[in-house]
């Protein structure tokens, strides 16, 4: 199997803008984007290395009713961690792109360096050089 069998799924009110933001800020690549009517994204797959996220527009569908946006839930109920080689460079890009930094960049006691931020729609992203897959 290519890639990870675990694929986070997100919903955005403005999915086209979110796709642009995630690609320019974190380096995701559009693998598949299925547009719908009136700017809706039915389904999108964004790849980053061997990993992927799937996302789409907030819609009143069977699946859509199962998910709440961070502002509807009173905050995030999950987050995604991205392993990067240069967290300081990604931090600078995220800050310049309007991310709300929630934990400033710092060296971690368990190894690596990283930060946490919210994207423009409030999803929580953690970015750092700590790679739990590396053997000690």
Protein backbone atom coordinates (compact mmCIF):
# COMPACT_ATOMS: atom_id res chain seq x y z
CA UNK A 1 0.00 0.00 0.00
CA UNK A 2 1.31 3.43 -0.92
CA UNK A 3 0.97 6.05 1.82
CA UNK A 4 -0.69 5.84 5.19
CA UNK A 5 -3.94 3.97 5.76
CA UNK A 6 -5.01 6.81 8.11
CA UNK A 7 -6.32 9.85 6.25
CA UNK A 8 -7.68 12.83 8.20
CA UNK A 9 -10.85 14.35 6.75
CA UNK A 10 -11.77 18.02 7.19
CA UNK A 11 -14.61 20.32 6.17
CA UNK A 12 -14.27 24.00 5.30
CA UNK A 13 -16.88 26.67 4.65
CA UNK A 14 -14.65 28.07 1.88
CA UNK A 15 -12.93 24.90 0.69
CA UNK A 16 -11.34 26.44 -2.45
CA UNK A 17 -9.66 29.10 -0.32
CA UNK A 18 -8.62 26.48 2.27
CA UNK A 19 -7.05 24.33 -0.45
CA UNK A 20 -5.05 27.30 -1.74
CA UNK A 21 -3.97 28.19 1.82
CA UNK A 22 -2.92 24.65 2.75
CA UNK A 23 -0.94 24.24 -0.47
CA UNK A 24 0.86 27.57 -0.28
CA UNK A 25 1.44 27.51 3.50
CA UNK A 26 2.21 23.86 4.31
CA UNK A 27 3.23 22.57 0.88
CA UNK A 28 0.33 20.22 0.15
CA UNK A 29 -0.13 19.21 -3.49
CA UNK A 30 -3.54 18.87 -5.12
CA UNK A 31 -3.97 15.20 -5.99
CA UNK A 32 -7.69 15.37 -6.78
CA UNK A 33 -10.22 18.20 -6.51
CA UNK A 34 -13.85 17.51 -7.43
CA UNK A 35 -15.78 20.77 -7.76
CA UNK A 36 -19.52 21.08 -7.40
CA UNK A 37 -21.93 23.90 -8.09
CA UNK A 38 -21.44 27.46 -6.83
CA UNK A 39 -17.87 27.08 -5.56
CA UNK A 40 -18.55 23.92 -3.54
CA UNK A 41 -15.82 21.30 -3.33
CA UNK A 42 -17.44 17.88 -3.26
CA UNK A 43 -14.17 16.12 -2.45
CA UNK A 44 -10.47 16.97 -2.46
CA UNK A 45 -7.33 14.95 -1.80
CA UNK A 46 -4.21 16.89 -0.86
CA UNK A 47 -0.90 15.01 -0.62
CA UNK A 48 2.16 15.89 1.43
CA UNK A 49 4.98 13.40 0.92
CA UNK A 50 3.49 9.96 1.54
CA UNK A 51 0.60 11.41 3.54
CA UNK A 52 -2.77 12.79 2.55
CA UNK A 53 -5.73 14.71 3.87
CA UNK A 54 -9.18 14.72 2.35
CA UNK A 55 -11.47 17.71 2.58
CA UNK A 56 -14.61 19.21 1.18
CA UNK A 57 -17.05 22.03 1.61
CA UNK A 58 -19.39 22.20 4.58
CA UNK A 59 -22.67 20.84 3.24
CA UNK A 60 -25.99 19.64 4.60
CA UNK A 61 -25.47 15.99 3.65
CA UNK A 62 -25.60 12.75 5.61
CA UNK A 63 -21.82 12.90 6.18
CA UNK A 64 -21.72 16.68 6.55
CA UNK A 65 -24.22 16.61 9.44
CA UNK A 66 -21.81 14.36 11.39
CA UNK A 67 -19.13 17.07 11.52
CA UNK A 68 -19.00 20.45 13.28
CA UNK A 69 -16.70 23.33 12.50
CA UNK A 70 -14.37 24.49 15.31
CA UNK A 71 -16.49 27.58 16.01
CA UNK A 72 -19.65 25.43 16.25
CA UNK A 73 -17.98 22.94 18.61
CA UNK A 74 -16.59 25.65 20.88
CA UNK A 75 -13.03 24.90 19.72
CA UNK A 76 -11.14 22.12 17.99
CA UNK A 77 -11.81 18.53 18.88
CA UNK A 78 -8.78 17.17 16.98
CA UNK A 79 -5.58 18.36 15.36
CA UNK A 80 -3.12 17.26 12.71
CA UNK A 81 0.66 17.05 13.15
CA UNK A 82 2.93 17.65 10.15
CA UNK A 83 6.57 16.52 10.25
CA UNK A 84 8.82 19.04 8.48
CA UNK A 85 12.58 19.42 8.03
CA UNK A 86 12.60 23.19 8.74
CA UNK A 87 9.89 24.21 11.20
CA UNK A 88 11.22 27.78 11.40
CA UNK A 89 10.64 28.28 7.66
CA UNK A 90 7.12 26.83 7.87
CA UNK A 91 6.42 28.97 10.95
CA UNK A 92 7.40 32.10 8.99
CA UNK A 93 5.16 31.07 6.06
CA UNK A 94 2.22 30.27 8.35
CA UNK A 95 2.53 33.57 10.18
CA UNK A 96 2.78 35.51 6.90
CA UNK A 97 -0.28 33.63 5.58
CA UNK A 98 -2.40 34.79 8.51
CA UNK A 99 -2.32 31.68 10.70
CA UNK A 100 -3.20 32.38 14.33
CA UNK A 101 -0.18 31.06 16.22
CA UNK A 102 -1.40 29.31 19.37
CA UNK A 103 1.89 27.86 20.60
CA UNK A 104 5.02 29.76 19.60
CA UNK A 105 7.85 27.90 17.94
CA UNK A 106 10.13 26.23 20.46
CA UNK A 107 12.42 23.29 21.10
CA UNK A 108 10.51 20.40 22.66
CA UNK A 109 11.74 18.39 25.67
CA UNK A 110 11.05 15.13 23.82
CA UNK A 111 13.03 16.26 20.76
CA UNK A 112 12.41 18.34 17.72
CA UNK A 113 11.22 21.89 17.31
CA UNK A 114 7.72 23.01 16.48
CA UNK A 115 4.68 25.23 16.85
CA UNK A 116 0.88 25.10 16.72
CA UNK A 117 -1.47 27.32 14.76
CA UNK A 118 -5.05 27.68 13.59
CA UNK A 119 -5.73 28.05 9.88
CA UNK A 120 -8.13 30.79 8.71
CA UNK A 121 -11.20 28.66 9.50
CA UNK A 122 -9.97 27.57 12.93
CA UNK A 123 -8.63 24.06 12.28
CA UNK A 124 -5.66 23.29 14.55
CA UNK A 125 -2.34 22.34 12.95
CA UNK A 126 0.84 21.27 14.75
CA UNK A 127 4.08 21.53 12.80
CA UNK A 128 7.48 20.30 13.87
CA UNK A 129 10.68 18.46 13.18
CA UNK A 130 10.00 15.72 15.74
CA UNK A 131 9.46 12.51 13.77
CA UNK A 132 8.06 9.66 15.87
CA UNK A 133 8.88 7.19 13.06
CA UNK A 134 12.63 7.75 13.40
CA UNK A 135 14.29 5.08 15.47
CA UNK A 136 16.25 6.32 18.47
